[in-house]
Amino acid sequence: MPIQPLSRALAHPARRQLCPVPGIALAAGRVHEATGLARRSFAVMLAGAAEGPVLWIVPAWVPERPHPEGVRPFLDPGRLIFATPKRAEDLLWTMEEALRSGLVPVVVADLLGPPGLTPVRRLQLAAEAGAAATGRAPTGLLLAPGDGGAPGVESRWHIAPAHSATRTAWRLERRRARTDPPRAWTLRLDGRQLVAGD
């Protein structure tokens, strides 16, 4: 049987994109960072842009988890799979193994602080390996408290609530990206549709 050439999308998995909101894209097959009070909301928005299961890694001793009713506007809560490592060092190990498998399209790690360059580089390589092994581009999202600052991420986002009595909204900032300049948007929920404006 002749060997078929790789498709362009498979040969360059980082060129695929996840669009949590029309007009806003994150490179698939890479690891990104989200910060701010609404970082978990951003993770749910990103997960809703993909198909299939979502692995959400959170320390066993942290009680906060996404609530099914809270995620329902963005994705079916049945898609969420929670992993709860008992040791802090197992958070990134779990994420690395999930990305390397290539079987989960979105892997979220709720961290206690931003990781260093070497662990992030390992995560990037694991995502590339997962894409090469399966033809899919698994995307990782690190949720970091404060301003984050993990070196080596593909992009860094900050999101904060901007709700009012009459609307559900967030202020989203792309603070750093390899291929795009910094920019800010106001996101609002219109029914079950997210809309972005400046």
Protein backbone atom coordinates (compact mmCIF):
# COMPACT_ATOMS: atom_id res chain seq x y z
CA MET A 1 0.00 0.00 0.00
CA PRO A 2 1.54 3.36 -0.98
CA ILE A 3 2.21 5.89 1.74
CA GLN A 4 -0.13 8.85 1.50
CA PRO A 5 1.37 12.32 1.99
CA LEU A 6 0.33 14.17 5.09
CA SER A 7 -2.37 16.77 4.55
CA ARG A 8 -1.33 20.36 5.08
CA ALA A 9 -3.45 20.56 8.23
CA LEU A 10 -1.76 17.46 9.64
CA ALA A 11 1.73 18.49 8.56
CA HIS A 12 1.23 21.86 10.30
CA PRO A 13 -1.13 21.17 13.21
CA ALA A 14 -0.37 24.54 14.81
CA ARG A 15 -2.07 26.25 11.86
CA ARG A 16 -5.41 24.82 12.92
CA GLN A 17 -7.40 27.11 15.14
CA LEU A 18 -9.98 27.00 17.89
CA CYS A 19 -12.36 29.95 17.78
CA PRO A 20 -14.19 30.39 21.09
CA VAL A 21 -15.81 33.51 19.67
CA PRO A 22 -16.13 34.47 16.00
CA GLY A 23 -13.12 36.62 15.14
CA ILE A 24 -10.96 35.34 18.03
CA ALA A 25 -8.71 32.34 17.40
CA LEU A 26 -6.15 30.31 19.32
CA ALA A 27 -3.70 28.03 17.54
CA ALA A 28 -4.73 24.42 18.02
CA GLY A 29 -2.04 21.93 18.88
CA ARG A 30 -0.32 24.42 21.17
CA VAL A 31 -0.41 25.44 24.85
CA HIS A 32 -1.88 28.80 25.90
CA GLU A 33 -2.31 30.63 29.21
CA ALA A 34 -5.42 32.33 30.62
CA THR A 35 -5.46 34.64 33.64
CA GLY A 36 -7.99 36.89 35.33
CA LEU A 37 -11.07 36.37 37.45
CA ALA A 38 -12.98 34.80 34.55
CA ARG A 39 -10.19 32.47 33.35
CA ARG A 40 -12.35 29.41 33.98
CA SER A 41 -15.12 30.96 31.88
CA PHE A 42 -12.59 31.43 29.08
CA ALA A 43 -11.61 27.76 29.37
CA VAL A 44 -15.25 26.73 29.02
CA MET A 45 -15.63 29.03 25.98
CA LEU A 46 -12.56 27.48 24.37
CA ALA A 47 -13.74 23.95 25.14
CA GLY A 48 -17.07 24.76 23.50
CA ALA A 49 -15.23 25.53 20.25
CA ALA A 50 -13.92 21.96 20.05
CA GLU A 51 -15.68 18.64 19.67
CA GLY A 52 -15.31 15.68 21.97
CA PRO A 53 -14.29 15.31 25.61
CA VAL A 54 -12.55 18.00 27.64
CA LEU A 55 -10.06 17.01 30.33
CA TRP A 56 -10.07 19.47 33.23
CA ILE A 57 -7.19 18.98 35.67
CA VAL A 58 -7.56 20.56 39.11
CA PRO A 59 -5.77 19.83 42.40
CA ALA A 60 -7.71 17.42 44.60
CA TRP A 61 -7.66 19.91 47.50
CA VAL A 62 -9.23 22.78 45.49
CA PRO A 63 -13.03 22.59 45.79
CA GLU A 64 -13.92 24.83 42.82
CA ARG A 65 -15.12 23.00 39.71
CA PRO A 66 -17.17 24.26 36.77
CA HIS A 67 -20.86 23.86 37.59
CA PRO A 68 -22.97 22.04 34.97
CA GLU A 69 -25.53 24.85 34.76
CA GLY A 70 -22.77 27.42 34.38
CA VAL A 71 -21.14 25.66 31.42
CA ARG A 72 -24.37 24.72 29.66
CA PRO A 73 -24.53 27.92 27.52
CA PHE A 74 -21.15 26.97 26.03
CA LEU A 75 -20.96 23.18 25.98
CA ASP A 76 -22.67 20.00 27.11
CA PRO A 77 -21.49 19.43 30.72
CA GLY A 78 -21.30 15.71 29.97
CA ARG A 79 -18.19 16.41 27.88
CA LEU A 80 -16.18 17.42 30.98
CA ILE A 81 -13.87 14.85 32.52
CA PHE A 82 -12.18 15.88 35.78
CA ALA A 83 -8.77 14.67 36.89
CA THR A 84 -7.85 15.57 40.47
CA PRO A 85 -4.17 14.83 41.21
CA LYS A 86 -3.25 14.74 44.89
CA ARG A 87 0.22 16.27 44.39
CA ALA A 88 0.98 19.63 42.76
CA GLU A 89 3.74 18.14 40.59
CA ASP A 90 1.23 15.74 39.04
CA LEU A 91 -0.86 18.55 37.52
CA LEU A 92 1.54 19.20 34.65
CA TRP A 93 2.44 15.52 34.30
CA THR A 94 -1.25 14.69 33.80
CA MET A 95 -1.59 17.47 31.24
CA GLU A 96 1.53 16.35 29.39
CA GLU A 97 0.33 12.75 29.13
CA ALA A 98 -3.13 13.81 27.95
CA LEU A 99 -1.66 16.08 25.26
CA ARG A 100 0.79 13.37 24.16
CA SER A 101 -2.05 10.88 23.70
CA GLY A 102 -3.78 13.24 21.26
CA LEU A 103 -7.13 11.75 22.26
CA VAL A 104 -8.59 14.77 24.07
CA PRO A 105 -9.03 17.91 21.93
CA VAL A 106 -8.83 20.35 24.88
CA VAL A 107 -6.86 19.86 28.10
CA VAL A 108 -7.26 22.48 30.85
CA ALA A 109 -4.96 22.64 33.88
CA ASP A 110 -6.07 24.81 36.80
CA LEU A 111 -2.70 25.72 38.34
CA LEU A 112 -1.55 27.25 41.60
CA GLY A 113 0.98 29.46 39.77
CA PRO A 114 2.63 29.77 36.36
CA PRO A 115 5.07 26.97 35.45
CA GLY A 116 8.61 27.55 34.23
CA LEU A 117 9.96 27.38 30.70
CA THR A 118 11.06 23.72 30.78
CA PRO A 119 7.64 22.32 31.81
CA VAL A 120 5.88 24.51 29.23
CA ARG A 121 8.30 23.37 26.53
CA ARG A 122 7.55 19.76 27.49
CA LEU A 123 3.82 20.49 27.15
CA GLN A 124 4.35 22.04 23.70
CA LEU A 125 6.32 18.99 22.56
CA ALA A 126 3.64 16.68 23.98
CA ALA A 127 0.94 18.52 22.01
CA GLU A 128 3.02 18.18 18.84
CA ALA A 129 3.53 14.47 19.52
CA GLY A 130 -0.19 13.99 20.09
CA ALA A 131 -0.99 15.73 16.82
CA ALA A 132 1.55 13.61 14.93
CA ALA A 133 0.26 10.38 16.47
CA THR A 134 -3.46 10.95 15.90
CA GLY A 135 -3.81 13.57 13.18
CA ARG A 136 -5.68 15.77 15.67
CA ALA A 137 -4.27 18.89 17.30
CA PRO A 138 -4.78 18.74 21.09
CA THR A 139 -4.82 22.17 22.66
CA GLY A 140 -3.70 22.94 26.20
CA LEU A 141 -4.85 25.82 28.37
CA LEU A 142 -3.02 26.73 31.56
CA LEU A 143 -5.18 28.63 34.05
CA ALA A 144 -2.91 30.75 36.23
CA PRO A 145 -3.79 33.08 39.11
CA GLY A 146 -2.78 36.73 39.09
CA ASP A 147 -1.12 37.91 35.90
CA GLY A 148 0.29 34.49 35.07
CA GLY A 149 3.50 34.78 33.13
CA ALA A 150 4.34 31.23 32.05
CA PRO A 151 7.22 31.49 29.56
CA GLY A 152 6.97 29.60 26.29
CA VAL A 153 3.19 29.67 25.88
CA GLU A 154 1.77 30.27 22.42
CA SER A 155 -0.47 33.07 23.71
CA ARG A 156 -1.48 34.71 26.99
CA TRP A 157 -5.03 35.93 27.65
CA HIS A 158 -6.62 37.90 30.47
CA ILE A 159 -10.36 37.89 31.01
CA ALA A 160 -12.47 39.66 33.62
CA PRO A 161 -16.23 39.87 34.19
CA ALA A 162 -17.96 42.94 32.78
CA HIS A 163 -21.55 42.01 33.63
CA SER A 164 -24.34 44.48 34.19
CA ALA A 165 -27.96 44.25 35.23
CA THR A 166 -28.98 43.76 31.60
CA ARG A 167 -26.12 41.78 30.05
CA THR A 168 -23.67 38.96 30.63
CA ALA A 169 -20.28 40.15 29.40
CA TRP A 170 -16.52 39.86 29.83
CA ARG A 171 -13.50 41.98 28.93
CA LEU A 172 -10.97 39.80 27.08
CA GLU A 173 -7.38 40.88 26.38
CA ARG A 174 -4.84 39.10 24.23
CA ARG A 175 -1.75 40.22 26.10
CA ARG A 176 0.81 38.18 24.21
CA ALA A 177 0.84 35.94 21.16
CA ARG A 178 3.54 34.66 18.85
CA THR A 179 1.76 35.75 15.68
CA ASP A 180 -0.76 38.41 16.72
CA PRO A 181 -0.50 41.83 18.40
CA PRO A 182 -2.10 42.63 21.76
CA ARG A 183 -5.79 43.45 21.49
CA ALA A 184 -8.92 43.71 23.65
CA TRP A 185 -12.56 42.81 23.11
CA THR A 186 -15.81 42.94 25.01
CA LEU A 187 -17.58 39.59 24.85
CA ARG A 188 -21.26 39.32 25.52
CA LEU A 189 -23.63 36.41 25.67
CA ASP A 190 -26.55 36.89 23.32
CA GLY A 191 -28.86 33.97 24.03
CA ARG A 192 -26.52 31.00 23.54
CA GLN A 193 -24.21 32.88 21.16
CA LEU A 194 -21.01 34.66 22.18
CA VAL A 195 -20.43 37.94 20.36
CA ALA A 196 -17.22 39.99 20.37
CA GLY A 197 -16.96 43.76 20.00
CA ASP A 198 -14.26 46.34 20.62
